[in-house]
Amino acid sequence: MAKFFKLHIRLFVCLSILMLSGCSPDSSKAQLTVEHAARGAFAAAISHDGRYSLVSSVEHGAVLWDNTTHGLKYQWSHSDQPDELIHSLAIAHDSSTAVTAANDRFAVWQLSDGKNIGYYQIDTGTIRDIAVSNQGRYVLYGRSDNVVVHLDLDSGRRIEFLGHQEKINSIALSPNGHFALTGANDYSAYFWDTRTGQVLHRFNHPSRVTKVALDPQGRYAFTADSMKKASIWQLTSGDLVAQLQYIARQKIFSAVRFNQQGDLLATGSPNRQLTLWRISDGTKLNTWLVKPREGSRPKSAVVFDVAFAKRDGILVTESSSGLMEQFERVKE
């Protein structure tokens, strides 16, 4: 009888600890993992609703995956050159189109049938980051020569934004293509009107700006630098909403996504970390680790992109390990 009570007491204590912690022992691990690139990925983008993943790899160029059926939809390439590296990818907010970019060229594709809309060559600098608007009408790309280009694919109209003094690291485009957020090595991020080139807000940092993101609803902007400052800004006024709260001396962000409701922010890092934050005060809510590629040394992975799915209950990631992973959010 004594053993019976001891066993039940131990079970009760273990269950109590799990209930107090609010999670299971494996809550930091993905509930679903699907291989999208056997030898790892160079770059990846996820649609806003988490349904599609676009992955660049050494074996297959750029491949579009359906994350609901886990089937390969399309395989795209810029040329017959096997060594051409597609290093930047983006999917339009409405999942109508995608863009793939190498150093000196980019291509736009329809998601409905996989057809190519156009191939485009650049003559100056190299492409550092790229984005595409709803319906694939506008493309925005940042170049190594400090210039950001906004291109209207329907009319051919082109605007070059010359506000930055050093090379571009990260860009973001509003769904309608009318507003851009760009960050560079000149310690600055600019929010500007792509129709006029007029700067609406300038966000200053103490070191080079390495990552920017826009809330698709037009409420917030995110900017982060190479050291310790990661900020959420109110787009209408340009005022600071919150700074992300973390202890590390340095934190680099490789992926950022606002949720639809505008109360949560998900970020990914080059050290496997996936983190969920509260927008109102920058508080960290949850942290997970994506899986490194089997046999990789060191055991690390860069989180290339993250998206919210199933009413913010699931976070979908793509990483350099070539894996799509889904993490269940523990409601705070």
C-alpha atoms as a PDB file:
ATOM      1  CA  MET A   1       0.000   0.000   0.000  1.00  0.00           C
ATOM      2  CA  ALA A   2       2.869   2.362   0.862  1.00  0.00           C
ATOM      3  CA  LYS A   3       4.439   1.793  -2.572  1.00  0.00           C
ATOM      4  CA  PHE A   4       1.065   2.477  -4.189  1.00  0.00           C
ATOM      5  CA  PHE A   5       0.764   5.851  -2.435  1.00  0.00           C
ATOM      6  CA  LYS A   6       4.414   6.765  -3.188  1.00  0.00           C
ATOM      7  CA  LEU A   7       3.871   6.015  -6.887  1.00  0.00           C
ATOM      8  CA  HIS A   8       0.719   8.130  -7.024  1.00  0.00           C
ATOM      9  CA  ILE A   9       2.386  10.953  -5.117  1.00  0.00           C
ATOM     10  CA  ARG A  10       5.245  10.959  -7.650  1.00  0.00           C
ATOM     11  CA  LEU A  11       2.795  10.972 -10.557  1.00  0.00           C
ATOM     12  CA  PHE A  12       0.850  13.802  -8.936  1.00  0.00           C
ATOM     13  CA  VAL A  13       4.031  15.852  -8.438  1.00  0.00           C
ATOM     14  CA  CYS A  14       5.150  15.274 -12.050  1.00  0.00           C
ATOM     15  CA  LEU A  15       1.742  16.228 -13.424  1.00  0.00           C
ATOM     16  CA  SER A  16       1.647  19.299 -11.189  1.00  0.00           C
ATOM     17  CA  ILE A  17       5.055  20.440 -12.481  1.00  0.00           C
ATOM     18  CA  LEU A  18       3.892  20.024 -16.089  1.00  0.00           C
ATOM     19  CA  MET A  19       0.693  21.949 -15.386  1.00  0.00           C
ATOM     20  CA  LEU A  20       2.598  24.756 -13.663  1.00  0.00           C
ATOM     21  CA  SER A  21       5.107  24.981 -16.501  1.00  0.00           C
ATOM     22  CA  GLY A  22       2.237  25.207 -19.004  1.00  0.00           C
ATOM     23  CA  CYS A  23       3.876  22.875 -21.467  1.00  0.00           C
ATOM     24  CA  SER A  24       4.892  19.304 -22.117  1.00  0.00           C
ATOM     25  CA  PRO A  25       8.535  18.148 -22.015  1.00  0.00           C
ATOM     26  CA  ASP A  26       8.729  18.278 -25.843  1.00  0.00           C
ATOM     27  CA  SER A  27       6.916  21.604 -26.298  1.00  0.00           C
ATOM     28  CA  SER A  28      10.061  23.192 -27.759  1.00  0.00           C
ATOM     29  CA  LYS A  29      10.067  20.655 -30.604  1.00  0.00           C
ATOM     30  CA  ALA A  30       8.052  20.756 -33.821  1.00  0.00           C
ATOM     31  CA  GLN A  31       4.805  18.825 -33.964  1.00  0.00           C
ATOM     32  CA  LEU A  32       5.348  18.291 -37.705  1.00  0.00           C
ATOM     33  CA  THR A  33       8.549  18.147 -39.784  1.00  0.00           C
ATOM     34  CA  VAL A  34       8.659  17.754 -43.587  1.00  0.00           C
ATOM     35  CA  GLU A  35      11.842  17.646 -45.667  1.00  0.00           C
ATOM     36  CA  HIS A  36      11.876  20.199 -48.498  1.00  0.00           C
ATOM     37  CA  ALA A  37      15.589  20.083 -49.436  1.00  0.00           C
ATOM     38  CA  ALA A  38      17.646  16.975 -48.699  1.00  0.00           C
ATOM     39  CA  ARG A  39      21.008  18.765 -48.762  1.00  0.00           C
ATOM     40  CA  GLY A  40      19.809  21.954 -47.101  1.00  0.00           C
ATOM     41  CA  ALA A  41      18.352  25.222 -48.393  1.00  0.00           C
ATOM     42  CA  PHE A  42      19.935  28.471 -49.585  1.00  0.00           C
ATOM     43  CA  ALA A  43      16.828  30.593 -48.996  1.00  0.00           C
ATOM     44  CA  ALA A  44      13.105  30.191 -48.338  1.00  0.00           C
ATOM     45  CA  ALA A  45       9.861  32.160 -48.146  1.00  0.00           C
ATOM     46  CA  ILE A  46       6.451  31.221 -46.736  1.00  0.00           C
ATOM     47  CA  SER A  47       3.088  32.640 -47.826  1.00  0.00           C
ATOM     48  CA  HIS A  48       1.343  34.870 -45.298  1.00  0.00           C
ATOM     49  CA  ASP A  49      -1.198  32.161 -44.383  1.00  0.00           C
ATOM     50  CA  GLY A  50       1.458  29.448 -44.135  1.00  0.00           C
ATOM     51  CA  ARG A  51       0.006  27.384 -46.975  1.00  0.00           C
ATOM     52  CA  TYR A  52       2.933  27.625 -49.410  1.00  0.00           C
ATOM     53  CA  SER A  53       6.701  27.393 -49.022  1.00  0.00           C
ATOM     54  CA  LEU A  54       9.157  28.487 -51.691  1.00  0.00           C
ATOM     55  CA  VAL A  55      12.583  26.912 -51.164  1.00  0.00           C
ATOM     56  CA  SER A  56      15.868  27.384 -53.012  1.00  0.00           C
ATOM     57  CA  SER A  57      18.310  24.472 -52.932  1.00  0.00           C
ATOM     58  CA  VAL A  58      21.385  23.177 -54.716  1.00  0.00           C
ATOM     59  CA  GLU A  59      19.494  20.236 -56.246  1.00  0.00           C
ATOM     60  CA  HIS A  60      16.313  21.764 -57.633  1.00  0.00           C
ATOM     61  CA  GLY A  61      16.572  25.545 -58.037  1.00  0.00           C
ATOM     62  CA  ALA A  62      13.412  27.055 -56.527  1.00  0.00           C
ATOM     63  CA  VAL A  63      10.594  24.703 -55.548  1.00  0.00           C
ATOM     64  CA  LEU A  64       7.077  25.639 -54.427  1.00  0.00           C
ATOM     65  CA  TRP A  65       5.518  23.308 -51.854  1.00  0.00           C
ATOM     66  CA  ASP A  66       1.911  23.052 -50.681  1.00  0.00           C
ATOM     67  CA  ASN A  67       2.061  22.760 -46.891  1.00  0.00           C
ATOM     68  CA  THR A  68      -1.504  21.437 -46.634  1.00  0.00           C
ATOM     69  CA  THR A  69      -0.967  18.428 -48.909  1.00  0.00           C
ATOM     70  CA  HIS A  70       2.842  18.343 -48.498  1.00  0.00           C
ATOM     71  CA  GLY A  71       3.140  18.011 -52.245  1.00  0.00           C
ATOM     72  CA  LEU A  72       5.577  19.650 -54.659  1.00  0.00           C
ATOM     73  CA  LYS A  73       3.671  22.062 -56.929  1.00  0.00           C
ATOM     74  CA  TYR A  74       6.268  23.701 -59.178  1.00  0.00           C
ATOM     75  CA  GLN A  75       9.985  23.715 -59.838  1.00  0.00           C
ATOM     76  CA  TRP A  76      11.467  26.932 -61.234  1.00  0.00           C
ATOM     77  CA  SER A  77      14.882  28.004 -62.513  1.00  0.00           C
ATOM     78  CA  HIS A  78      16.336  31.106 -64.165  1.00  0.00           C
ATOM     79  CA  SER A  79      18.600  29.314 -66.613  1.00  0.00           C
ATOM     80  CA  ASP A  80      20.263  26.032 -67.481  1.00  0.00           C
ATOM     81  CA  GLN A  81      23.297  26.978 -65.391  1.00  0.00           C
ATOM     82  CA  PRO A  82      23.408  24.505 -62.495  1.00  0.00           C
ATOM     83  CA  ASP A  83      25.614  26.764 -60.378  1.00  0.00           C
ATOM     84  CA  GLU A  84      23.298  29.798 -60.475  1.00  0.00           C
ATOM     85  CA  LEU A  85      22.319  30.527 -56.895  1.00  0.00           C
ATOM     86  CA  ILE A  86      18.772  31.757 -56.212  1.00  0.00           C
ATOM     87  CA  HIS A  87      19.435  33.549 -52.937  1.00  0.00           C
ATOM     88  CA  SER A  88      16.361  35.765 -52.437  1.00  0.00           C
ATOM     89  CA  LEU A  89      12.702  34.720 -52.583  1.00  0.00           C
ATOM     90  CA  ALA A  90       9.333  36.262 -51.798  1.00  0.00           C
ATOM     91  CA  ILE A  91       5.638  35.375 -52.065  1.00  0.00           C
ATOM     92  CA  ALA A  92       2.999  38.086 -52.493  1.00  0.00           C
ATOM     93  CA  HIS A  93       0.697  38.664 -49.521  1.00  0.00           C
ATOM     94  CA  ASP A  94      -2.299  37.431 -51.549  1.00  0.00           C
ATOM     95  CA  SER A  95      -0.383  34.284 -52.654  1.00  0.00           C
ATOM     96  CA  SER A  96      -0.937  35.209 -56.306  1.00  0.00           C
ATOM     97  CA  THR A  97       2.688  35.486 -57.351  1.00  0.00           C
ATOM     98  CA  ALA A  98       6.243  34.789 -56.271  1.00  0.00           C
ATOM     99  CA  VAL A  99       9.616  36.282 -57.129  1.00  0.00           C
ATOM    100  CA  THR A 100      13.000  34.548 -57.250  1.00  0.00           C
ATOM    101  CA  ALA A 101      16.325  36.383 -57.470  1.00  0.00           C
ATOM    102  CA  ALA A 102      19.957  35.628 -58.236  1.00  0.00           C
ATOM    103  CA  ASN A 103      22.736  38.231 -58.099  1.00  0.00           C
ATOM    104  CA  ASP A 104      21.945  40.000 -61.373  1.00  0.00           C
ATOM    105  CA  ARG A 105      18.474  38.818 -62.400  1.00  0.00           C
ATOM    106  CA  PHE A 106      15.042  38.009 -61.061  1.00  0.00           C
ATOM    107  CA  ALA A 107      11.916  36.227 -62.265  1.00  0.00           C
ATOM    108  CA  VAL A 108       8.221  36.535 -61.397  1.00  0.00           C
ATOM    109  CA  TRP A 109       5.896  33.515 -61.322  1.00  0.00           C
ATOM    110  CA  GLN A 110       2.166  32.803 -61.037  1.00  0.00           C
ATOM    111  CA  LEU A 111       1.192  30.485 -58.202  1.00  0.00           C
ATOM    112  CA  SER A 112      -2.083  29.469 -59.859  1.00  0.00           C
ATOM    113  CA  ASP A 113      -0.440  27.630 -62.764  1.00  0.00           C
ATOM    114  CA  GLY A 114       3.314  27.987 -62.207  1.00  0.00           C
ATOM    115  CA  LYS A 115       3.811  30.050 -65.370  1.00  0.00           C
ATOM    116  CA  ASN A 116       6.562  32.621 -65.645  1.00  0.00           C
ATOM    117  CA  ILE A 117       5.411  36.244 -65.915  1.00  0.00           C
ATOM    118  CA  GLY A 118       8.802  37.649 -66.838  1.00  0.00           C
ATOM    119  CA  TYR A 119      12.582  37.507 -66.509  1.00  0.00           C
ATOM    120  CA  TYR A 120      14.470  40.699 -65.652  1.00  0.00           C
ATOM    121  CA  GLN A 121      18.180  41.529 -65.747  1.00  0.00           C
ATOM    122  CA  ILE A 122      19.866  44.246 -63.681  1.00  0.00           C
ATOM    123  CA  ASP A 123      22.947  46.064 -64.970  1.00  0.00           C
ATOM    124  CA  THR A 124      24.282  47.712 -61.808  1.00  0.00           C
ATOM    125  CA  GLY A 125      25.192  46.197 -58.452  1.00  0.00           C
ATOM    126  CA  THR A 126      23.784  42.913 -57.165  1.00  0.00           C
ATOM    127  CA  ILE A 127      20.403  42.100 -55.645  1.00  0.00           C
ATOM    128  CA  ARG A 128      20.502  41.912 -51.838  1.00  0.00           C
ATOM    129  CA  ASP A 129      16.792  41.430 -51.073  1.00  0.00           C
ATOM    130  CA  ILE A 130      13.531  41.377 -53.043  1.00  0.00           C
ATOM    131  CA  ALA A 131       9.757  41.654 -52.528  1.00  0.00           C
ATOM    132  CA  VAL A 132       6.602  41.499 -54.667  1.00  0.00           C
ATOM    133  CA  SER A 133       3.162  43.107 -54.270  1.00  0.00           C
ATOM    134  CA  ASN A 134      -0.311  41.612 -54.592  1.00  0.00           C
ATOM    135  CA  GLN A 135      -1.093  40.377 -58.127  1.00  0.00           C
ATOM    136  CA  GLY A 136       2.601  40.657 -58.938  1.00  0.00           C
ATOM    137  CA  ARG A 137       2.290  44.193 -60.249  1.00  0.00           C
ATOM    138  CA  TYR A 138       5.172  45.769 -58.315  1.00  0.00           C
ATOM    139  CA  VAL A 139       8.619  44.431 -57.462  1.00  0.00           C
ATOM    140  CA  LEU A 140      10.972  46.060 -54.965  1.00  0.00           C
ATOM    141  CA  TYR A 141      14.627  45.126 -54.675  1.00  0.00           C
ATOM    142  CA  GLY A 142      17.627  46.450 -52.785  1.00  0.00           C
ATOM    143  CA  ARG A 143      21.065  46.548 -54.408  1.00  0.00           C
ATOM    144  CA  SER A 144      24.637  46.332 -53.167  1.00  0.00           C
ATOM    145  CA  ASP A 145      25.329  49.867 -54.487  1.00  0.00           C
ATOM    146  CA  ASN A 146      23.006  51.485 -51.866  1.00  0.00           C
ATOM    147  CA  VAL A 147      20.057  51.839 -54.278  1.00  0.00           C
ATOM    148  CA  VAL A 148      16.508  50.497 -53.853  1.00  0.00           C
ATOM    149  CA  VAL A 149      14.471  50.010 -57.041  1.00  0.00           C
ATOM    150  CA  HIS A 150      10.664  49.980 -57.272  1.00  0.00           C
ATOM    151  CA  LEU A 151       9.388  48.619 -60.585  1.00  0.00           C
ATOM    152  CA  ASP A 152       5.834  48.668 -61.968  1.00  0.00           C
ATOM    153  CA  LEU A 153       5.717  45.568 -64.166  1.00  0.00           C
ATOM    154  CA  ASP A 154       2.496  46.716 -65.866  1.00  0.00           C
ATOM    155  CA  SER A 155       3.628  50.158 -66.991  1.00  0.00           C
ATOM    156  CA  GLY A 156       7.398  49.746 -66.794  1.00  0.00           C
ATOM    157  CA  ARG A 157       7.623  52.780 -64.483  1.00  0.00           C
ATOM    158  CA  ARG A 158      10.728  52.686 -62.325  1.00  0.00           C
ATOM    159  CA  ILE A 159      11.743  54.624 -59.223  1.00  0.00           C
ATOM    160  CA  GLU A 160      15.226  54.517 -57.721  1.00  0.00           C
ATOM    161  CA  PHE A 161      15.379  55.417 -54.035  1.00  0.00           C
ATOM    162  CA  LEU A 162      18.740  57.031 -53.245  1.00  0.00           C
ATOM    163  CA  GLY A 163      18.260  57.782 -49.544  1.00  0.00           C
ATOM    164  CA  HIS A 164      20.717  55.197 -48.245  1.00  0.00           C
ATOM    165  CA  GLN A 165      24.456  55.863 -48.045  1.00  0.00           C
ATOM    166  CA  GLU A 166      25.608  52.233 -47.749  1.00  0.00           C
ATOM    167  CA  LYS A 167      24.551  48.830 -49.054  1.00  0.00           C
ATOM    168  CA  ILE A 168      20.996  47.581 -48.521  1.00  0.00           C
ATOM    169  CA  ASN A 169      20.465  44.639 -46.166  1.00  0.00           C
ATOM    170  CA  SER A 170      16.701  44.189 -45.920  1.00  0.00           C
ATOM    171  CA  ILE A 171      13.523  45.479 -47.568  1.00  0.00           C
ATOM    172  CA  ALA A 172       9.762  45.129 -47.141  1.00  0.00           C
ATOM    173  CA  LEU A 173       6.871  46.112 -49.425  1.00  0.00           C
ATOM    174  CA  SER A 174       3.248  46.788 -48.488  1.00  0.00           C
ATOM    175  CA  PRO A 175       0.719  44.387 -50.083  1.00  0.00           C
ATOM    176  CA  ASN A 176      -0.547  47.109 -52.454  1.00  0.00           C
ATOM    177  CA  GLY A 177       3.012  48.024 -53.435  1.00  0.00           C
ATOM    178  CA  HIS A 178       2.650  51.688 -52.468  1.00  0.00           C
ATOM    179  CA  PHE A 179       4.939  51.768 -49.426  1.00  0.00           C
ATOM    180  CA  ALA A 180       8.421  50.422 -48.728  1.00  0.00           C
ATOM    181  CA  LEU A 181      10.580  49.918 -45.659  1.00  0.00           C
ATOM    182  CA  THR A 182      14.308  49.608 -46.322  1.00  0.00           C
ATOM    183  CA  GLY A 183      17.287  49.074 -44.011  1.00  0.00           C
ATOM    184  CA  ALA A 184      20.997  49.437 -44.720  1.00  0.00           C
ATOM    185  CA  ASN A 185      24.514  49.555 -43.313  1.00  0.00           C
ATOM    186  CA  ASP A 186      24.161  53.327 -42.807  1.00  0.00           C
ATOM    187  CA  TYR A 187      22.408  52.731 -39.433  1.00  0.00           C
ATOM    188  CA  SER A 188      19.079  53.827 -40.906  1.00  0.00           C
ATOM    189  CA  ALA A 189      15.734  52.412 -41.962  1.00  0.00           C
ATOM    190  CA  TYR A 190      13.431  54.465 -44.187  1.00  0.00           C
ATOM    191  CA  PHE A 191       9.677  54.147 -44.631  1.00  0.00           C
ATOM    192  CA  TRP A 192       8.806  55.770 -47.945  1.00  0.00           C
ATOM    193  CA  ASP A 193       6.111  56.209 -50.583  1.00  0.00           C
ATOM    194  CA  THR A 194       6.982  54.217 -53.709  1.00  0.00           C
ATOM    195  CA  ARG A 195       4.804  56.448 -55.919  1.00  0.00           C
ATOM    196  CA  THR A 196       6.781  59.606 -55.140  1.00  0.00           C
ATOM    197  CA  GLY A 197       9.978  58.460 -53.428  1.00  0.00           C
ATOM    198  CA  GLN A 198       9.086  60.700 -50.464  1.00  0.00           C
ATOM    199  CA  VAL A 199      10.418  59.626 -47.059  1.00  0.00           C
ATOM    200  CA  LEU A 200       7.613  59.347 -44.501  1.00  0.00           C
ATOM    201  CA  HIS A 201       9.673  58.199 -41.505  1.00  0.00           C
ATOM    202  CA  ARG A 202      13.324  57.603 -40.721  1.00  0.00           C
ATOM    203  CA  PHE A 203      14.194  55.113 -37.980  1.00  0.00           C
ATOM    204  CA  ASN A 204      17.728  55.484 -36.600  1.00  0.00           C
ATOM    205  CA  HIS A 205      19.852  52.738 -35.045  1.00  0.00           C
ATOM    206  CA  PRO A 206      23.246  52.675 -33.277  1.00  0.00           C
ATOM    207  CA  SER A 207      24.576  50.047 -35.717  1.00  0.00           C
ATOM    208  CA  ARG A 208      23.819  48.721 -39.197  1.00  0.00           C
ATOM    209  CA  VAL A 209      20.168  47.794 -39.833  1.00  0.00           C
ATOM    210  CA  THR A 210      20.026  44.094 -40.690  1.00  0.00           C
ATOM    211  CA  LYS A 211      16.293  43.292 -40.778  1.00  0.00           C
ATOM    212  CA  VAL A 212      13.053  45.157 -41.498  1.00  0.00           C
ATOM    213  CA  ALA A 213       9.421  44.050 -41.791  1.00  0.00           C
ATOM    214  CA  LEU A 214       6.000  45.620 -42.343  1.00  0.00           C
ATOM    215  CA  ASP A 215       2.671  44.704 -40.807  1.00  0.00           C
ATOM    216  CA  PRO A 216       0.507  43.989 -43.897  1.00  0.00           C
ATOM    217  CA  GLN A 217      -2.399  45.864 -42.291  1.00  0.00           C
ATOM    218  CA  GLY A 218      -0.316  49.052 -42.236  1.00  0.00           C
ATOM    219  CA  ARG A 219      -0.157  49.435 -38.456  1.00  0.00           C
ATOM    220  CA  TYR A 220       3.462  48.664 -37.563  1.00  0.00           C
ATOM    221  CA  ALA A 221       7.039  48.473 -38.787  1.00  0.00           C
ATOM    222  CA  PHE A 222       9.874  46.383 -37.383  1.00  0.00           C
ATOM    223  CA  THR A 223      13.547  47.339 -37.572  1.00  0.00           C
ATOM    224  CA  ALA A 224      16.543  45.583 -36.019  1.00  0.00           C
ATOM    225  CA  ASP A 225      20.260  46.277 -36.045  1.00  0.00           C
ATOM    226  CA  SER A 226      23.384  44.150 -35.755  1.00  0.00           C
ATOM    227  CA  MET A 227      23.754  44.619 -32.003  1.00  0.00           C
ATOM    228  CA  LYS A 228      20.946  44.929 -29.482  1.00  0.00           C
ATOM    229  CA  LYS A 229      18.177  47.198 -30.734  1.00  0.00           C
ATOM    230  CA  ALA A 230      15.026  45.636 -32.194  1.00  0.00           C
ATOM    231  CA  SER A 231      12.098  48.039 -32.390  1.00  0.00           C
ATOM    232  CA  ILE A 232       8.407  48.076 -33.283  1.00  0.00           C
ATOM    233  CA  TRP A 233       7.142  51.412 -34.628  1.00  0.00           C
ATOM    234  CA  GLN A 234       3.684  52.879 -35.187  1.00  0.00           C
ATOM    235  CA  LEU A 235       3.500  53.584 -38.916  1.00  0.00           C
ATOM    236  CA  THR A 236       1.062  56.491 -38.865  1.00  0.00           C
ATOM    237  CA  SER A 237       3.003  58.596 -36.367  1.00  0.00           C
ATOM    238  CA  GLY A 238       6.440  57.012 -36.544  1.00  0.00           C
ATOM    239  CA  ASP A 239       6.462  56.687 -32.745  1.00  0.00           C
ATOM    240  CA  LEU A 240       8.129  53.808 -30.926  1.00  0.00           C
ATOM    241  CA  VAL A 241       5.649  51.171 -29.710  1.00  0.00           C
ATOM    242  CA  ALA A 242       8.078  48.785 -28.024  1.00  0.00           C
ATOM    243  CA  GLN A 243      11.559  47.359 -28.082  1.00  0.00           C
ATOM    244  CA  LEU A 244      11.933  43.592 -27.922  1.00  0.00           C
ATOM    245  CA  GLN A 245      13.036  42.579 -24.432  1.00  0.00           C
ATOM    246  CA  TYR A 246      16.005  40.218 -24.308  1.00  0.00           C
ATOM    247  CA  ILE A 247      19.203  39.896 -22.272  1.00  0.00           C
ATOM    248  CA  ALA A 248      21.700  38.899 -24.974  1.00  0.00           C
ATOM    249  CA  ARG A 249      24.318  41.477 -25.913  1.00  0.00           C
ATOM    250  CA  GLN A 250      23.731  40.741 -29.576  1.00  0.00           C
ATOM    251  CA  LYS A 251      20.734  39.233 -31.357  1.00  0.00           C
ATOM    252  CA  ILE A 252      20.403  38.878 -35.118  1.00  0.00           C
ATOM    253  CA  PHE A 253      17.019  38.348 -36.766  1.00  0.00           C
ATOM    254  CA  SER A 254      16.755  36.392 -40.017  1.00  0.00           C
ATOM    255  CA  ALA A 255      12.928  36.178 -40.197  1.00  0.00           C
ATOM    256  CA  VAL A 256      10.080  38.394 -38.952  1.00  0.00           C
ATOM    257  CA  ARG A 257       6.288  38.155 -39.261  1.00  0.00           C
ATOM    258  CA  PHE A 258       3.380  40.151 -37.800  1.00  0.00           C
ATOM    259  CA  ASN A 259       0.177  38.224 -37.147  1.00  0.00           C
ATOM    260  CA  GLN A 260      -3.147  39.250 -38.693  1.00  0.00           C
ATOM    261  CA  GLN A 261      -4.575  40.633 -35.435  1.00  0.00           C
ATOM    262  CA  GLY A 262      -1.591  42.897 -34.855  1.00  0.00           C
ATOM    263  CA  ASP A 263      -0.824  41.728 -31.323  1.00  0.00           C
ATOM    264  CA  LEU A 264       1.933  39.161 -31.942  1.00  0.00           C
ATOM    265  CA  LEU A 265       5.311  39.148 -33.662  1.00  0.00           C
ATOM    266  CA  ALA A 266       7.244  36.008 -34.611  1.00  0.00           C
ATOM    267  CA  THR A 267      10.986  36.104 -35.264  1.00  0.00           C
ATOM    268  CA  GLY A 268      13.617  33.636 -36.404  1.00  0.00           C
ATOM    269  CA  SER A 269      17.371  33.765 -35.861  1.00  0.00           C
ATOM    270  CA  PRO A 270      20.529  32.196 -37.324  1.00  0.00           C
ATOM    271  CA  ASN A 271      20.962  30.150 -34.108  1.00  0.00           C
ATOM    272  CA  ARG A 272      17.855  27.958 -34.669  1.00  0.00           C
ATOM    273  CA  GLN A 273      15.650  30.106 -32.430  1.00  0.00           C
ATOM    274  CA  LEU A 274      11.999  30.797 -33.190  1.00  0.00           C
ATOM    275  CA  THR A 275      10.520  33.341 -30.788  1.00  0.00           C
ATOM    276  CA  LEU A 276       7.049  34.776 -30.212  1.00  0.00           C
ATOM    277  CA  TRP A 277       6.702  38.316 -28.820  1.00  0.00           C
ATOM    278  CA  ARG A 278       3.872  40.536 -27.626  1.00  0.00           C
ATOM    279  CA  ILE A 279       3.786  43.694 -29.741  1.00  0.00           C
ATOM    280  CA  SER A 280       2.406  46.067 -27.105  1.00  0.00           C
ATOM    281  CA  ASP A 281       5.416  45.789 -24.773  1.00  0.00           C
ATOM    282  CA  GLY A 282       8.027  43.627 -26.531  1.00  0.00           C
ATOM    283  CA  THR A 283       7.718  40.779 -24.018  1.00  0.00           C
ATOM    284  CA  LYS A 284       8.943  37.336 -25.064  1.00  0.00           C
ATOM    285  CA  LEU A 285       6.110  34.781 -24.857  1.00  0.00           C
ATOM    286  CA  ASN A 286       7.518  31.521 -26.281  1.00  0.00           C
ATOM    287  CA  THR A 287      10.741  30.137 -27.731  1.00  0.00           C
ATOM    288  CA  TRP A 288      11.335  27.048 -29.881  1.00  0.00           C
ATOM    289  CA  LEU A 289      14.322  25.547 -31.717  1.00  0.00           C
ATOM    290  CA  VAL A 290      14.197  24.426 -35.336  1.00  0.00           C
ATOM    291  CA  LYS A 291      15.931  21.174 -36.177  1.00  0.00           C
ATOM    292  CA  PRO A 292      19.472  21.155 -37.612  1.00  0.00           C
ATOM    293  CA  ARG A 293      20.172  19.107 -40.712  1.00  0.00           C
ATOM    294  CA  GLU A 294      21.060  15.486 -39.997  1.00  0.00           C
ATOM    295  CA  GLY A 295      24.820  15.103 -39.690  1.00  0.00           C
ATOM    296  CA  SER A 296      25.534  18.838 -39.893  1.00  0.00           C
ATOM    297  CA  ARG A 297      28.533  20.235 -37.969  1.00  0.00           C
ATOM    298  CA  PRO A 298      28.030  22.395 -36.048  1.00  0.00           C
ATOM    299  CA  LYS A 299      24.433  21.502 -35.283  1.00  0.00           C
ATOM    300  CA  SER A 300      22.853  24.774 -36.287  1.00  0.00           C
ATOM    301  CA  ALA A 301      20.288  26.197 -38.708  1.00  0.00           C
ATOM    302  CA  VAL A 302      19.170  29.615 -39.921  1.00  0.00           C
ATOM    303  CA  VAL A 303      15.439  30.313 -39.700  1.00  0.00           C
ATOM    304  CA  PHE A 304      14.713  31.769 -43.151  1.00  0.00           C
ATOM    305  CA  ASP A 305      11.011  32.545 -42.710  1.00  0.00           C
ATOM    306  CA  VAL A 306       8.084  32.124 -40.335  1.00  0.00           C
ATOM    307  CA  ALA A 307       4.306  32.455 -40.729  1.00  0.00           C
ATOM    308  CA  PHE A 308       1.225  32.169 -38.542  1.00  0.00           C
ATOM    309  CA  ALA A 309      -1.384  29.515 -39.372  1.00  0.00           C
ATOM    310  CA  LYS A 310      -4.626  28.102 -37.940  1.00  0.00           C
ATOM    311  CA  ARG A 311      -5.701  31.316 -36.201  1.00  0.00           C
ATOM    312  CA  ASP A 312      -2.226  31.909 -34.777  1.00  0.00           C
ATOM    313  CA  GLY A 313      -2.229  28.509 -33.084  1.00  0.00           C
ATOM    314  CA  ILE A 314       0.569  27.206 -35.302  1.00  0.00           C
ATOM    315  CA  LEU A 315       3.847  28.774 -36.422  1.00  0.00           C
ATOM    316  CA  VAL A 316       5.315  27.473 -39.688  1.00  0.00           C
ATOM    317  CA  THR A 317       9.056  27.762 -40.374  1.00  0.00           C
ATOM    318  CA  GLU A 318      11.512  27.098 -43.174  1.00  0.00           C
ATOM    319  CA  SER A 319      15.207  26.880 -42.317  1.00  0.00           C
ATOM    320  CA  SER A 320      18.615  26.231 -43.847  1.00  0.00           C
ATOM    321  CA  SER A 321      18.298  22.603 -42.759  1.00  0.00           C
ATOM    322  CA  GLY A 322      15.838  22.184 -45.647  1.00  0.00           C
ATOM    323  CA  LEU A 323      12.963  21.399 -43.296  1.00  0.00           C
ATOM    324  CA  MET A 324       9.472  22.820 -42.995  1.00  0.00           C
ATOM    325  CA  GLU A 325       8.437  22.634 -39.338  1.00  0.00           C
ATOM    326  CA  GLN A 326       5.206  23.440 -37.533  1.00  0.00           C
ATOM    327  CA  PHE A 327       5.228  24.498 -33.889  1.00  0.00           C
ATOM    328  CA  GLU A 328       2.179  24.612 -31.659  1.00  0.00           C
ATOM    329  CA  ARG A 329       1.754  27.827 -29.758  1.00  0.00           C
ATOM    330  CA  VAL A 330       1.197  27.532 -26.009  1.00  0.00           C
ATOM    331  CA  LYS A 331      -1.430  30.159 -25.193  1.00  0.00           C
ATOM    332  CA  GLU A 332      -0.181  32.547 -22.570  1.00  0.00           C
END
